[in-house]
Amino acid sequence: EVYRLNLEEGRFQAPLVTKSGSFGGNNCVAINPVNHLVAFGGEGGLIDVWDPRRVEDARPAGELDVAGALAHFAAVEGVPE
């Protein structure tokens, strides 16, 4: 989970439940300066991307399974693990 704090109201908002944090928590975050999308990554090789304008939907704008994609690439290309 990613906890959000509303500084104007001085209280916590509903947390974002991420799949990337389900394998030991989120350990990296990045904000795109162009469109302000927020990406969270965790140890499980998953990346969740959230649009802060639509967090009430309670689902990410996109998800990427980096670990799965790399495993598939290694199998196809014959790259040793």
PDB file of N, CA and C in Angstrom:
ATOM      1  N   GLU A   1       0.837  -1.185   0.000  1.00  0.00           N
ATOM      2  CA  GLU A   1       0.000   0.000   0.000  1.00  0.00           C
ATOM      3  C   GLU A   1       0.877   1.243   0.000  1.00  0.00           C
ATOM      4  N   VAL A   2       0.355   2.275  -0.641  1.00  0.00           N
ATOM      5  CA  VAL A   2       1.020   3.574  -0.665  1.00  0.00           C
ATOM      6  C   VAL A   2       0.102   4.542   0.066  1.00  0.00           C
ATOM      7  N   TYR A   3       0.598   5.096   1.151  1.00  0.00           N
ATOM      8  CA  TYR A   3      -0.215   6.008   1.959  1.00  0.00           C
ATOM      9  C   TYR A   3      -0.099   7.425   1.422  1.00  0.00           C
ATOM     10  N   ARG A   4      -1.232   8.111   1.353  1.00  0.00           N
ATOM     11  CA  ARG A   4      -1.291   9.479   0.827  1.00  0.00           C
ATOM     12  C   ARG A   4      -1.740  10.423   1.933  1.00  0.00           C
ATOM     13  N   LEU A   5      -1.116  11.591   1.974  1.00  0.00           N
ATOM     14  CA  LEU A   5      -1.429  12.590   2.983  1.00  0.00           C
ATOM     15  C   LEU A   5      -1.904  13.857   2.289  1.00  0.00           C
ATOM     16  N   ASN A   6      -3.089  14.320   2.661  1.00  0.00           N
ATOM     17  CA  ASN A   6      -3.624  15.576   2.154  1.00  0.00           C
ATOM     18  C   ASN A   6      -3.120  16.686   3.071  1.00  0.00           C
ATOM     19  N   LEU A   7      -2.181  17.470   2.583  1.00  0.00           N
ATOM     20  CA  LEU A   7      -1.568  18.507   3.415  1.00  0.00           C
ATOM     21  C   LEU A   7      -2.517  19.666   3.698  1.00  0.00           C
ATOM     22  N   GLU A   8      -3.466  19.928   2.804  1.00  0.00           N
ATOM     23  CA  GLU A   8      -4.418  21.016   3.030  1.00  0.00           C
ATOM     24  C   GLU A   8      -5.386  20.679   4.159  1.00  0.00           C
ATOM     25  N   GLU A   9      -5.817  19.422   4.226  1.00  0.00           N
ATOM     26  CA  GLU A   9      -6.763  18.997   5.262  1.00  0.00           C
ATOM     27  C   GLU A   9      -6.066  18.414   6.482  1.00  0.00           C
ATOM     28  N   GLY A  10      -4.781  18.073   6.348  1.00  0.00           N
ATOM     29  CA  GLY A  10      -4.031  17.519   7.468  1.00  0.00           C
ATOM     30  C   GLY A  10      -4.460  16.121   7.868  1.00  0.00           C
ATOM     31  N   ARG A  11      -4.855  15.307   6.884  1.00  0.00           N
ATOM     32  CA  ARG A  11      -5.278  13.938   7.207  1.00  0.00           C
ATOM     33  C   ARG A  11      -4.892  12.994   6.078  1.00  0.00           C
ATOM     34  N   PHE A  12      -4.880  11.714   6.420  1.00  0.00           N
ATOM     35  CA  PHE A  12      -4.564  10.701   5.421  1.00  0.00           C
ATOM     36  C   PHE A  12      -5.765  10.465   4.513  1.00  0.00           C
ATOM     37  N   GLN A  13      -5.473  10.175   3.257  1.00  0.00           N
ATOM     38  CA  GLN A  13      -6.509   9.751   2.310  1.00  0.00           C
ATOM     39  C   GLN A  13      -6.429   8.231   2.183  1.00  0.00           C
ATOM     40  N   ALA A  14      -7.368   7.669   1.464  1.00  0.00           N
ATOM     41  CA  ALA A  14      -7.360   6.214   1.266  1.00  0.00           C
ATOM     42  C   ALA A  14      -6.057   5.803   0.572  1.00  0.00           C
ATOM     43  N   PRO A  15      -5.404   4.739   1.055  1.00  0.00           N
ATOM     44  CA  PRO A  15      -4.142   4.322   0.439  1.00  0.00           C
ATOM     45  C   PRO A  15      -4.366   3.708  -0.938  1.00  0.00           C
ATOM     46  N   LEU A  16      -3.323   3.751  -1.747  1.00  0.00           N
ATOM     47  CA  LEU A  16      -3.339   3.088  -3.044  1.00  0.00           C
ATOM     48  C   LEU A  16      -2.850   1.659  -2.819  1.00  0.00           C
ATOM     49  N   VAL A  17      -3.615   0.692  -3.237  1.00  0.00           N
ATOM     50  CA  VAL A  17      -3.230  -0.713  -3.096  1.00  0.00           C
ATOM     51  C   VAL A  17      -2.544  -1.134  -4.386  1.00  0.00           C
ATOM     52  N   THR A  18      -1.260  -1.416  -4.285  1.00  0.00           N
ATOM     53  CA  THR A  18      -0.469  -1.730  -5.468  1.00  0.00           C
ATOM     54  C   THR A  18      -0.115  -3.210  -5.501  1.00  0.00           C
ATOM     55  N   LYS A  19      -0.035  -3.761  -6.698  1.00  0.00           N
ATOM     56  CA  LYS A  19       0.447  -5.133  -6.850  1.00  0.00           C
ATOM     57  C   LYS A  19       1.964  -5.176  -6.688  1.00  0.00           C
ATOM     58  N   SER A  20       2.633  -4.086  -7.052  1.00  0.00           N
ATOM     59  CA  SER A  20       4.089  -4.057  -6.951  1.00  0.00           C
ATOM     60  C   SER A  20       4.553  -4.169  -5.508  1.00  0.00           C
ATOM     61  N   GLY A  21       3.744  -3.744  -4.557  1.00  0.00           N
ATOM     62  CA  GLY A  21       4.116  -3.818  -3.151  1.00  0.00           C
ATOM     63  C   GLY A  21       3.765  -5.122  -2.474  1.00  0.00           C
ATOM     64  N   SER A  22       3.157  -6.049  -3.190  1.00  0.00           N
ATOM     65  CA  SER A  22       2.713  -7.301  -2.569  1.00  0.00           C
ATOM     66  C   SER A  22       3.857  -8.284  -2.331  1.00  0.00           C
ATOM     67  N   PHE A  23       5.044  -8.003  -2.839  1.00  0.00           N
ATOM     68  CA  PHE A  23       6.203  -8.893  -2.665  1.00  0.00           C
ATOM     69  C   PHE A  23       7.255  -8.238  -1.781  1.00  0.00           C
ATOM     70  N   GLY A  24       6.851  -7.656  -0.682  1.00  0.00           N
ATOM     71  CA  GLY A  24       7.811  -7.050   0.225  1.00  0.00           C
ATOM     72  C   GLY A  24       7.747  -5.539   0.264  1.00  0.00           C
ATOM     73  N   GLY A  25       6.770  -4.963  -0.358  1.00  0.00           N
ATOM     74  CA  GLY A  25       6.605  -3.513  -0.316  1.00  0.00           C
ATOM     75  C   GLY A  25       7.182  -2.805  -1.524  1.00  0.00           C
ATOM     76  N   ASN A  26       6.762  -1.583  -1.702  1.00  0.00           N
ATOM     77  CA  ASN A  26       7.293  -0.741  -2.767  1.00  0.00           C
ATOM     78  C   ASN A  26       8.618  -0.161  -2.301  1.00  0.00           C
ATOM     79  N   ASN A  27       9.628  -0.216  -3.178  1.00  0.00           N
ATOM     80  CA  ASN A  27      10.914   0.341  -2.793  1.00  0.00           C
ATOM     81  C   ASN A  27      11.434   1.392  -3.757  1.00  0.00           C
ATOM     82  N   CYS A  28      10.621   1.789  -4.739  1.00  0.00           N
ATOM     83  CA  CYS A  28      11.011   2.897  -5.603  1.00  0.00           C
ATOM     84  C   CYS A  28       9.756   3.590  -6.129  1.00  0.00           C
ATOM     85  N   VAL A  29       9.915   4.866  -6.407  1.00  0.00           N
ATOM     86  CA  VAL A  29       8.816   5.681  -6.924  1.00  0.00           C
ATOM     87  C   VAL A  29       9.402   6.687  -7.901  1.00  0.00           C
ATOM     88  N   ALA A  30       8.646   6.993  -8.943  1.00  0.00           N
ATOM     89  CA  ALA A  30       9.066   7.995  -9.923  1.00  0.00           C
ATOM     90  C   ALA A  30       7.838   8.760 -10.391  1.00  0.00           C
ATOM     91  N   ILE A  31       8.021  10.045 -10.641  1.00  0.00           N
ATOM     92  CA  ILE A  31       6.946  10.897 -11.142  1.00  0.00           C
ATOM     93  C   ILE A  31       7.357  11.436 -12.499  1.00  0.00           C
ATOM     94  N   ASN A  32       6.520  11.227 -13.502  1.00  0.00           N
ATOM     95  CA  ASN A  32       6.781  11.745 -14.836  1.00  0.00           C
ATOM     96  C   ASN A  32       6.527  13.244 -14.832  1.00  0.00           C
ATOM     97  N   PRO A  33       7.517  14.062 -15.181  1.00  0.00           N
ATOM     98  CA  PRO A  33       7.332  15.518 -15.138  1.00  0.00           C
ATOM     99  C   PRO A  33       6.406  16.055 -16.219  1.00  0.00           C
ATOM    100  N   VAL A  34       6.138  15.271 -17.250  1.00  0.00           N
ATOM    101  CA  VAL A  34       5.293  15.745 -18.351  1.00  0.00           C
ATOM    102  C   VAL A  34       3.813  15.547 -18.038  1.00  0.00           C
ATOM    103  N   ASN A  35       3.429  14.317 -17.684  1.00  0.00           N
ATOM    104  CA  ASN A  35       2.005  14.035 -17.466  1.00  0.00           C
ATOM    105  C   ASN A  35       1.677  13.724 -16.007  1.00  0.00           C
ATOM    106  N   HIS A  36       2.666  13.787 -15.121  1.00  0.00           N
ATOM    107  CA  HIS A  36       2.501  13.610 -13.677  1.00  0.00           C
ATOM    108  C   HIS A  36       2.007  12.232 -13.274  1.00  0.00           C
ATOM    109  N   LEU A  37       2.212  11.226 -14.124  1.00  0.00           N
ATOM    110  CA  LEU A  37       1.907   9.860 -13.716  1.00  0.00           C
ATOM    111  C   LEU A  37       2.919   9.435 -12.665  1.00  0.00           C
ATOM    112  N   VAL A  38       2.476   8.626 -11.703  1.00  0.00           N
ATOM    113  CA  VAL A  38       3.335   8.174 -10.615  1.00  0.00           C
ATOM    114  C   VAL A  38       3.508   6.667 -10.752  1.00  0.00           C
ATOM    115  N   ALA A  39       4.759   6.220 -10.782  1.00  0.00           N
ATOM    116  CA  ALA A  39       5.066   4.798 -10.924  1.00  0.00           C
ATOM    117  C   ALA A  39       5.682   4.277  -9.632  1.00  0.00           C
ATOM    118  N   PHE A  40       5.225   3.096  -9.194  1.00  0.00           N
ATOM    119  CA  PHE A  40       5.746   2.435  -8.005  1.00  0.00           C
ATOM    120  C   PHE A  40       6.302   1.086  -8.420  1.00  0.00           C
ATOM    121  N   GLY A  41       7.460   0.730  -7.884  1.00  0.00           N
ATOM    122  CA  GLY A  41       8.068  -0.556  -8.183  1.00  0.00           C
ATOM    123  C   GLY A  41       8.437  -1.285  -6.917  1.00  0.00           C
ATOM    124  N   GLY A  42       8.422  -2.612  -7.002  1.00  0.00           N
ATOM    125  CA  GLY A  42       8.753  -3.430  -5.842  1.00  0.00           C
ATOM    126  C   GLY A  42       9.716  -4.540  -6.196  1.00  0.00           C
ATOM    127  N   GLU A  43      10.038  -5.354  -5.196  1.00  0.00           N
ATOM    128  CA  GLU A  43      11.016  -6.421  -5.365  1.00  0.00           C
ATOM    129  C   GLU A  43      10.521  -7.548  -6.256  1.00  0.00           C
ATOM    130  N   GLY A  44       9.233  -7.661  -6.471  1.00  0.00           N
ATOM    131  CA  GLY A  44       8.686  -8.729  -7.288  1.00  0.00           C
ATOM    132  C   GLY A  44       8.797  -8.488  -8.781  1.00  0.00           C
ATOM    133  N   GLY A  45       9.360  -7.356  -9.186  1.00  0.00           N
ATOM    134  CA  GLY A  45       9.525  -7.063 -10.603  1.00  0.00           C
ATOM    135  C   GLY A  45       8.285  -6.486 -11.250  1.00  0.00           C
ATOM    136  N   LEU A  46       7.356  -5.971 -10.451  1.00  0.00           N
ATOM    137  CA  LEU A  46       6.146  -5.359 -10.984  1.00  0.00           C
ATOM    138  C   LEU A  46       6.225  -3.838 -10.858  1.00  0.00           C
ATOM    139  N   ILE A  47       5.650  -3.144 -11.825  1.00  0.00           N
ATOM    140  CA  ILE A  47       5.551  -1.688 -11.788  1.00  0.00           C
ATOM    141  C   ILE A  47       4.088  -1.321 -11.953  1.00  0.00           C
ATOM    142  N   ASP A  48       3.576  -0.516 -11.028  1.00  0.00           N
ATOM    143  CA  ASP A  48       2.214   0.022 -11.113  1.00  0.00           C
ATOM    144  C   ASP A  48       2.318   1.503 -11.428  1.00  0.00           C
ATOM    145  N   VAL A  49       1.533   1.964 -12.392  1.00  0.00           N
ATOM    146  CA  VAL A  49       1.513   3.377 -12.765  1.00  0.00           C
ATOM    147  C   VAL A  49       0.134   3.936 -12.439  1.00  0.00           C
ATOM    148  N   TRP A  50       0.118   5.032 -11.684  1.00  0.00           N
ATOM    149  CA  TRP A  50      -1.130   5.651 -11.242  1.00  0.00           C
ATOM    150  C   TRP A  50      -1.244   7.052 -11.811  1.00  0.00           C
ATOM    151  N   ASP A  51      -2.439   7.420 -12.183  1.00  0.00           N
ATOM    152  CA  ASP A  51      -2.746   8.784 -12.599  1.00  0.00           C
ATOM    153  C   ASP A  51      -3.345   9.494 -11.386  1.00  0.00           C
ATOM    154  N   PRO A  52      -2.655  10.480 -10.813  1.00  0.00           N
ATOM    155  CA  PRO A  52      -3.161  11.110  -9.591  1.00  0.00           C
ATOM    156  C   PRO A  52      -4.502  11.819  -9.773  1.00  0.00           C
ATOM    157  N   ARG A  53      -4.885  12.075 -10.999  1.00  0.00           N
ATOM    158  CA  ARG A  53      -6.192  12.699 -11.237  1.00  0.00           C
ATOM    159  C   ARG A  53      -7.326  11.686 -11.149  1.00  0.00           C
ATOM    160  N   ARG A  54      -7.003  10.381 -11.147  1.00  0.00           N
ATOM    161  CA  ARG A  54      -8.037   9.342 -11.166  1.00  0.00           C
ATOM    162  C   ARG A  54      -7.819   8.279 -10.106  1.00  0.00           C
ATOM    163  N   VAL A  55      -7.258   8.626  -8.966  1.00  0.00           N
ATOM    164  CA  VAL A  55      -6.997   7.618  -7.930  1.00  0.00           C
ATOM    165  C   VAL A  55      -8.275   7.103  -7.289  1.00  0.00           C
ATOM    166  N   GLU A  56      -9.369   7.818  -7.444  1.00  0.00           N
ATOM    167  CA  GLU A  56     -10.629   7.349  -6.872  1.00  0.00           C
ATOM    168  C   GLU A  56     -11.125   6.084  -7.551  1.00  0.00           C
ATOM    169  N   ASP A  57     -10.599   5.778  -8.747  1.00  0.00           N
ATOM    170  CA  ASP A  57     -10.977   4.539  -9.443  1.00  0.00           C
ATOM    171  C   ASP A  57     -10.478   3.303  -8.702  1.00  0.00           C
ATOM    172  N   ALA A  58      -9.524   3.481  -7.794  1.00  0.00           N
ATOM    173  CA  ALA A  58      -8.948   2.397  -6.987  1.00  0.00           C
ATOM    174  C   ALA A  58      -8.269   1.334  -7.843  1.00  0.00           C
ATOM    175  N   ARG A  59      -7.756   1.748  -8.996  1.00  0.00           N
ATOM    176  CA  ARG A  59      -6.986   0.829  -9.835  1.00  0.00           C
ATOM    177  C   ARG A  59      -5.933   1.626 -10.589  1.00  0.00           C
ATOM    178  N   PRO A  60      -4.809   0.995 -10.870  1.00  0.00           N
ATOM    179  CA  PRO A  60      -3.745   1.717 -11.561  1.00  0.00           C
ATOM    180  C   PRO A  60      -4.097   1.992 -13.021  1.00  0.00           C
ATOM    181  N   ALA A  61      -3.454   3.001 -13.577  1.00  0.00           N
ATOM    182  CA  ALA A  61      -3.638   3.320 -14.997  1.00  0.00           C
ATOM    183  C   ALA A  61      -2.939   2.289 -15.866  1.00  0.00           C
ATOM    184  N   GLY A  62      -1.924   1.632 -15.320  1.00  0.00           N
ATOM    185  CA  GLY A  62      -1.214   0.602 -16.064  1.00  0.00           C
ATOM    186  C   GLY A  62      -0.337  -0.229 -15.155  1.00  0.00           C
ATOM    187  N   GLU A  63      -0.006  -1.428 -15.618  1.00  0.00           N
ATOM    188  CA  GLU A  63       0.856  -2.337 -14.863  1.00  0.00           C
ATOM    189  C   GLU A  63       1.851  -2.964 -15.821  1.00  0.00           C
ATOM    190  N   LEU A  64       3.052  -3.223 -15.328  1.00  0.00           N
ATOM    191  CA  LEU A  64       4.086  -3.842 -16.143  1.00  0.00           C
ATOM    192  C   LEU A  64       4.789  -4.906 -15.318  1.00  0.00           C
ATOM    193  N   ASP A  65       4.834  -6.121 -15.838  1.00  0.00           N
ATOM    194  CA  ASP A  65       5.525  -7.226 -15.177  1.00  0.00           C
ATOM    195  C   ASP A  65       6.919  -7.340 -15.789  1.00  0.00           C
ATOM    196  N   VAL A  66       7.858  -6.613 -15.221  1.00  0.00           N
ATOM    197  CA  VAL A  66       9.217  -6.572 -15.751  1.00  0.00           C
ATOM    198  C   VAL A  66       9.896  -7.924 -15.589  1.00  0.00           C
ATOM    199  N   ALA A  67       9.756  -8.548 -14.439  1.00  0.00           N
ATOM    200  CA  ALA A  67      10.394  -9.845 -14.197  1.00  0.00           C
ATOM    201  C   ALA A  67       9.870 -10.895 -15.181  1.00  0.00           C
ATOM    202  N   GLY A  68       8.578 -10.901 -15.413  1.00  0.00           N
ATOM    203  CA  GLY A  68       8.005 -11.857 -16.362  1.00  0.00           C
ATOM    204  C   GLY A  68       8.465 -11.602 -17.783  1.00  0.00           C
ATOM    205  N   ALA A  69       8.557 -10.321 -18.156  1.00  0.00           N
ATOM    206  CA  ALA A  69       9.008  -9.981 -19.501  1.00  0.00           C
ATOM    207  C   ALA A  69      10.470 -10.368 -19.696  1.00  0.00           C
ATOM    208  N   LEU A  70      11.311 -10.144 -18.696  1.00  0.00           N
ATOM    209  CA  LEU A  70      12.721 -10.508 -18.812  1.00  0.00           C
ATOM    210  C   LEU A  70      12.904 -12.012 -18.862  1.00  0.00           C
ATOM    211  N   ALA A  71      12.118 -12.755 -18.082  1.00  0.00           N
ATOM    212  CA  ALA A  71      12.206 -14.218 -18.115  1.00  0.00           C
ATOM    213  C   ALA A  71      11.801 -14.738 -19.486  1.00  0.00           C
ATOM    214  N   HIS A  72      10.752 -14.153 -20.066  1.00  0.00           N
ATOM    215  CA  HIS A  72      10.309 -14.554 -21.398  1.00  0.00           C
ATOM    216  C   HIS A  72      11.374 -14.208 -22.436  1.00  0.00           C
ATOM    217  N   PHE A  73      11.968 -13.034 -22.334  1.00  0.00           N
ATOM    218  CA  PHE A  73      13.014 -12.608 -23.267  1.00  0.00           C
ATOM    219  C   PHE A  73      14.210 -13.540 -23.186  1.00  0.00           C
ATOM    220  N   ALA A  74      14.604 -13.899 -21.958  1.00  0.00           N
ATOM    221  CA  ALA A  74      15.747 -14.790 -21.784  1.00  0.00           C
ATOM    222  C   ALA A  74      15.471 -16.157 -22.399  1.00  0.00           C
ATOM    223  N   ALA A  75      14.237 -16.652 -22.251  1.00  0.00           N
ATOM    224  CA  ALA A  75      13.878 -17.956 -22.813  1.00  0.00           C
ATOM    225  C   ALA A  75      13.872 -17.922 -24.334  1.00  0.00           C
ATOM    226  N   VAL A  76      13.369 -16.827 -24.900  1.00  0.00           N
ATOM    227  CA  VAL A  76      13.292 -16.722 -26.364  1.00  0.00           C
ATOM    228  C   VAL A  76      14.667 -16.503 -26.986  1.00  0.00           C
ATOM    229  N   GLU A  77      15.464 -15.638 -26.380  1.00  0.00           N
ATOM    230  CA  GLU A  77      16.761 -15.282 -26.942  1.00  0.00           C
ATOM    231  C   GLU A  77      17.890 -16.231 -26.528  1.00  0.00           C
ATOM    232  N   GLY A  78      17.613 -17.146 -25.592  1.00  0.00           N
ATOM    233  CA  GLY A  78      18.644 -18.074 -25.145  1.00  0.00           C
ATOM    234  C   GLY A  78      19.674 -17.425 -24.239  1.00  0.00           C
ATOM    235  N   VAL A  79      19.297 -16.357 -23.572  1.00  0.00           N
ATOM    236  CA  VAL A  79      20.223 -15.663 -22.680  1.00  0.00           C
ATOM    237  C   VAL A  79      20.279 -16.436 -21.364  1.00  0.00           C
ATOM    238  N   PRO A  80      21.472 -16.734 -20.875  1.00  0.00           N
ATOM    239  CA  PRO A  80      21.544 -17.449 -19.594  1.00  0.00           C
ATOM    240  C   PRO A  80      21.064 -16.571 -18.456  1.00  0.00           C
ATOM    241  N   GLU A  81      20.438 -17.200 -17.477  1.00  0.00           N
ATOM    242  CA  GLU A  81      19.908 -16.453 -16.325  1.00  0.00           C
ATOM    243  C   GLU A  81      20.984 -16.162 -15.312  1.00  0.00           C
TER     244      GLU A  81
END
